[in-house]
Amino acid sequence: MELVPAIDIIDGKCVRLSQGDYDTKKVYNEDPVEVAREMEDHGIRRLHVVDLDGAASQHIVNYKTLEKIATATSLVIDFGGGVKGDEDLRIAFESGAAMVTGGSIAVRDPQVFCGWIDRYGSDKIILGADVRDKKIAVHGWKDESTEELFPFLQNYREKGIRKVICTDISCDGMLQGPSLELYQEMLQVFPDLYLIASGGVSKIEDIYRLEEAGVPAVIFGKALHEGHITLKQLAVFLG
């Protein structure tokens, strides 16, 4: 199973929110590069970086922080938040992202998003499917769309998407466990999907449960930053 720790960025600092609520912001470290280096020192190879300022403002904001992390480490970074147009995408890749996640753009402007898939390929473009009650949420989770999760996934599978980050917003940052039933249902319907589960991981046992369910990858942040999971505990997955 691929482990993908998350670093969420506001004002260049490493933070976490609960259920996407910016009023719950908690700063964990003033220097995201320090956090990323420590992860790499413990064998982590992937990193999920979210520009929360970008998600709120509809354009990429913290690309300099992305660039610093990419320069200071050899981590494979997937980046999301505020990537709403071709220029944002170019900046993200030029700043060191190996992959870029598109969520709101895939709902609001599918023509642009499909153009990215065609231009960069399914290895570099990840579909962000952030859900509340199986409906896709957009704009930093502040708005709910009319898009239902499974037709949304089916449409983009047909367009070539292979990797999907699915966050159950009701679980995110709550440390109450991941949405295991939802992920199992997704994998039953789309067995060849590279599903990256996100939200709710509270302890190492949650990661074991996701692995047993056949989930290919997991994103986790708050549990790691608050010490509920330690980097040492993750060694068994890193080989």
Protein backbone atom coordinates (compact mmCIF):
# COMPACT_ATOMS: atom_id res chain seq x y z
CA MET A 1 0.00 0.00 0.00
CA GLU A 2 1.30 3.44 -0.91
CA LEU A 3 1.54 5.88 2.00
CA VAL A 4 0.97 9.53 1.13
CA PRO A 5 1.35 11.94 4.06
CA ALA A 6 -0.34 15.31 3.57
CA ILE A 7 0.97 18.80 4.11
CA ASP A 8 -1.74 21.46 3.91
CA ILE A 9 -0.50 25.01 3.40
CA ILE A 10 -1.90 28.36 4.55
CA ASP A 11 0.36 31.43 4.50
CA GLY A 12 3.33 29.14 3.78
CA LYS A 13 2.77 27.20 7.02
CA CYS A 14 1.85 23.57 7.67
CA VAL A 15 -1.74 23.47 8.97
CA ARG A 16 -4.77 21.20 9.28
CA LEU A 17 -8.49 21.89 9.16
CA SER A 18 -11.46 19.86 10.36
CA GLN A 19 -14.05 19.03 7.67
CA GLY A 20 -12.58 21.75 5.47
CA ASP A 21 -13.59 24.52 7.86
CA TYR A 22 -11.01 27.33 7.70
CA ASP A 23 -12.12 28.56 11.14
CA THR A 24 -10.69 25.34 12.63
CA LYS A 25 -7.18 26.06 11.31
CA LYS A 26 -4.37 24.71 13.48
CA VAL A 27 -0.75 25.49 12.64
CA TYR A 28 1.54 22.48 13.17
CA ASN A 29 4.79 23.83 11.85
CA GLU A 30 5.95 27.17 10.50
CA ASP A 31 8.26 25.36 8.03
CA PRO A 32 6.69 22.73 5.73
CA VAL A 33 10.15 21.95 4.30
CA GLU A 34 11.29 20.76 7.72
CA VAL A 35 8.23 18.51 7.95
CA ALA A 36 8.83 17.07 4.46
CA ARG A 37 12.50 16.40 5.17
CA GLU A 38 11.66 14.49 8.34
CA MET A 39 9.18 12.36 6.41
CA GLU A 40 11.78 11.60 3.74
CA ASP A 41 14.36 10.72 6.41
CA HIS A 42 11.96 8.02 7.65
CA GLY A 43 11.53 6.44 4.22
CA ILE A 44 8.47 8.27 2.92
CA ARG A 45 8.58 8.65 -0.87
CA ARG A 46 5.27 10.36 -1.70
CA LEU A 47 3.76 13.60 -0.49
CA HIS A 48 0.37 15.22 -0.94
CA VAL A 49 0.58 19.03 -0.81
CA VAL A 50 -2.61 21.10 -0.67
CA ASP A 51 -2.66 24.84 -1.22
CA LEU A 52 -5.58 25.80 1.02
CA ASP A 53 -5.16 29.49 0.19
CA GLY A 54 -5.40 28.50 -3.45
CA ALA A 55 -8.51 26.39 -2.90
CA ALA A 56 -10.23 29.37 -1.28
CA SER A 57 -9.08 32.00 -3.80
CA GLN A 58 -9.55 30.02 -7.05
CA HIS A 59 -5.94 30.26 -8.20
CA ILE A 60 -2.62 28.79 -7.10
CA VAL A 61 -1.06 30.76 -4.22
CA ASN A 62 1.57 28.77 -2.31
CA TYR A 63 3.65 27.61 -5.27
CA LYS A 64 6.84 28.99 -3.71
CA THR A 65 6.36 26.61 -0.77
CA LEU A 66 5.84 23.75 -3.22
CA GLU A 67 9.05 24.75 -4.98
CA LYS A 68 10.99 24.81 -1.70
CA ILE A 69 9.79 21.31 -0.74
CA ALA A 70 10.54 19.93 -4.21
CA THR A 71 14.03 21.49 -4.20
CA ALA A 72 14.91 20.34 -0.68
CA THR A 73 13.69 16.73 -1.05
CA SER A 74 13.36 13.99 -3.64
CA LEU A 75 9.75 13.27 -2.64
CA VAL A 76 7.26 12.59 -5.42
CA ILE A 77 4.72 15.36 -4.85
CA ASP A 78 1.13 15.51 -5.93
CA PHE A 79 -0.29 19.00 -5.63
CA GLY A 80 -3.79 20.37 -5.38
CA GLY A 81 -5.70 23.46 -4.39
CA GLY A 82 -6.40 26.44 -6.61
CA VAL A 83 -5.44 24.78 -9.89
CA LYS A 84 -8.20 26.27 -11.99
CA GLY A 85 -6.60 26.97 -15.36
CA ASP A 86 -3.74 26.17 -17.71
CA GLU A 87 -1.49 28.80 -16.13
CA ASP A 88 -2.03 27.36 -12.63
CA LEU A 89 -1.20 23.90 -13.95
CA ARG A 90 1.97 25.14 -15.63
CA ILE A 91 3.09 26.87 -12.42
CA ALA A 92 2.44 23.72 -10.37
CA PHE A 93 4.51 21.51 -12.65
CA GLU A 94 7.29 24.09 -12.99
CA SER A 95 7.37 24.43 -9.19
CA GLY A 96 8.10 20.74 -8.78
CA ALA A 97 4.82 18.85 -8.70
CA ALA A 98 5.05 15.39 -10.27
CA MET A 99 1.26 15.13 -10.35
CA VAL A 100 -1.57 17.61 -10.05
CA THR A 101 -5.02 16.95 -8.60
CA GLY A 102 -8.04 18.65 -10.12
CA GLY A 103 -11.31 18.66 -8.19
CA SER A 104 -13.49 21.74 -8.67
CA ILE A 105 -12.18 22.24 -12.21
CA ALA A 106 -13.35 18.73 -13.15
CA VAL A 107 -16.88 19.75 -12.15
CA ARG A 108 -16.97 23.36 -13.31
CA ASP A 109 -14.95 23.11 -16.52
CA PRO A 110 -14.70 19.50 -17.67
CA GLN A 111 -13.47 20.55 -21.11
CA VAL A 112 -10.34 22.13 -19.60
CA PHE A 113 -9.79 19.18 -17.26
CA CYS A 114 -10.14 16.66 -20.09
CA GLY A 115 -7.64 18.70 -22.06
CA TRP A 116 -5.17 18.25 -19.21
CA ILE A 117 -5.70 14.48 -19.26
CA ASP A 118 -5.07 14.41 -23.01
CA ARG A 119 -2.00 16.67 -22.77
CA TYR A 120 -0.26 15.29 -19.70
CA GLY A 121 -1.66 11.75 -19.38
CA SER A 122 -3.33 9.86 -16.57
CA ASP A 123 -0.05 9.40 -14.69
CA LYS A 124 0.23 13.15 -14.07
CA ILE A 125 -3.41 14.20 -13.65
CA ILE A 126 -5.34 12.94 -10.62
CA LEU A 127 -9.08 13.37 -10.22
CA GLY A 128 -10.10 14.85 -6.88
CA ALA A 129 -13.46 13.47 -5.77
CA ASP A 130 -14.33 15.21 -2.51
CA VAL A 131 -17.70 13.96 -1.34
CA ARG A 132 -20.39 14.74 1.18
CA ASP A 133 -23.23 12.19 1.20
CA LYS A 134 -21.92 10.84 -2.14
CA LYS A 135 -22.21 14.26 -3.82
CA ILE A 136 -19.14 16.07 -5.12
CA ALA A 137 -18.13 19.21 -3.20
CA VAL A 138 -16.19 22.06 -4.80
CA HIS A 139 -14.41 25.36 -4.05
CA GLY A 140 -12.53 24.21 -0.97
CA TRP A 141 -15.59 22.16 0.10
CA LYS A 142 -17.65 25.29 0.65
CA ASP A 143 -20.14 24.36 -2.10
CA GLU A 144 -21.91 21.14 -2.96
CA SER A 145 -22.49 20.33 -6.62
CA THR A 146 -25.26 18.27 -8.16
CA GLU A 147 -22.72 15.68 -9.32
CA GLU A 148 -23.27 12.20 -7.89
CA LEU A 149 -20.04 10.34 -7.08
CA PHE A 150 -20.43 7.17 -9.14
CA PRO A 151 -21.62 8.72 -12.43
CA PHE A 152 -18.90 11.36 -11.96
CA LEU A 153 -16.25 8.63 -11.63
CA GLN A 154 -17.65 6.63 -14.53
CA ASN A 155 -17.52 9.66 -16.81
CA TYR A 156 -13.88 10.37 -16.03
CA ARG A 157 -12.87 6.72 -16.18
CA GLU A 158 -14.12 6.80 -19.77
CA LYS A 159 -12.04 9.95 -20.34
CA GLY A 160 -8.87 8.14 -19.22
CA ILE A 161 -8.55 8.93 -15.51
CA ARG A 162 -6.88 6.14 -13.52
CA LYS A 163 -5.99 7.80 -10.20
CA VAL A 164 -8.63 9.26 -7.89
CA ILE A 165 -8.23 10.91 -4.50
CA CYS A 166 -11.52 10.46 -2.67
CA THR A 167 -12.07 12.43 0.53
CA ASP A 168 -15.19 11.88 2.59
CA ILE A 169 -15.55 15.40 4.00
CA SER A 170 -17.54 14.20 7.01
CA CYS A 171 -14.45 12.22 8.10
CA ASP A 172 -11.69 14.66 7.24
CA GLY A 173 -9.66 15.89 10.18
CA MET A 174 -12.04 14.25 12.68
CA LEU A 175 -9.73 11.34 13.66
CA GLN A 176 -12.72 8.99 13.78
CA GLY A 177 -11.68 6.52 11.11
CA PRO A 178 -11.87 6.46 7.29
CA SER A 179 -14.98 5.88 5.19
CA LEU A 180 -14.18 2.21 4.65
CA GLU A 181 -17.58 1.15 3.29
CA LEU A 182 -17.52 3.91 0.67
CA TYR A 183 -14.07 2.87 -0.53
CA GLN A 184 -15.05 -0.79 -0.69
CA GLU A 185 -18.10 0.11 -2.76
CA MET A 186 -15.97 2.22 -5.11
CA LEU A 187 -13.52 -0.63 -5.65
CA GLN A 188 -16.34 -3.09 -6.30
CA VAL A 189 -17.72 -0.84 -9.03
CA PHE A 190 -14.29 0.19 -10.38
CA PRO A 191 -11.91 -2.68 -9.51
CA ASP A 192 -8.97 -1.31 -11.53
CA LEU A 193 -9.20 2.19 -10.07
CA TYR A 194 -6.07 3.50 -8.32
CA LEU A 195 -8.03 4.76 -5.35
CA ILE A 196 -6.24 7.07 -2.92
CA ALA A 197 -8.32 7.15 0.26
CA SER A 198 -8.27 10.42 2.18
CA GLY A 199 -9.82 11.62 5.41
CA GLY A 200 -10.44 10.22 8.86
CA VAL A 201 -7.29 8.14 9.42
CA SER A 202 -6.79 8.28 13.19
CA LYS A 203 -4.37 5.46 14.03
CA ILE A 204 -2.14 2.85 12.39
CA GLU A 205 -4.95 0.28 12.56
CA ASP A 206 -6.99 2.39 10.12
CA ILE A 207 -4.21 2.02 7.55
CA TYR A 208 -4.14 -1.75 8.09
CA ARG A 209 -7.92 -1.89 7.58
CA LEU A 210 -7.68 0.05 4.33
CA GLU A 211 -4.90 -2.23 3.11
CA GLU A 212 -6.97 -5.32 3.96
CA ALA A 213 -9.86 -3.82 1.98
CA GLY A 214 -7.60 -3.59 -1.07
CA VAL A 215 -7.29 0.20 -1.15
CA PRO A 216 -4.10 0.96 -3.15
CA ALA A 217 -3.04 4.17 -1.37
CA VAL A 218 -3.92 6.36 1.61
CA ILE A 219 -3.49 10.04 2.44
CA PHE A 220 -3.26 11.04 6.10
CA GLY A 221 -2.23 14.23 7.86
CA LYS A 222 -3.71 15.19 11.19
CA ALA A 223 -3.05 11.81 12.83
CA LEU A 224 0.62 12.10 11.92
CA HIS A 225 1.00 15.76 12.90
CA GLU A 226 -0.67 15.14 16.27
CA GLY A 227 1.30 11.98 17.05
CA HIS A 228 -1.54 9.45 16.82
CA ILE A 229 0.56 7.78 14.13
CA THR A 230 4.36 7.92 14.21
CA LEU A 231 6.75 7.77 11.30
CA LYS A 232 8.40 4.78 12.98
CA GLN A 233 5.09 2.87 12.89
CA LEU A 234 4.88 3.36 9.14
CA ALA A 235 8.16 1.55 8.48
CA VAL A 236 6.39 -1.81 7.99
CA PHE A 237 4.66 -0.40 4.88
CA LEU A 238 7.78 1.17 3.42
CA GLY A 239 9.93 -1.90 2.98
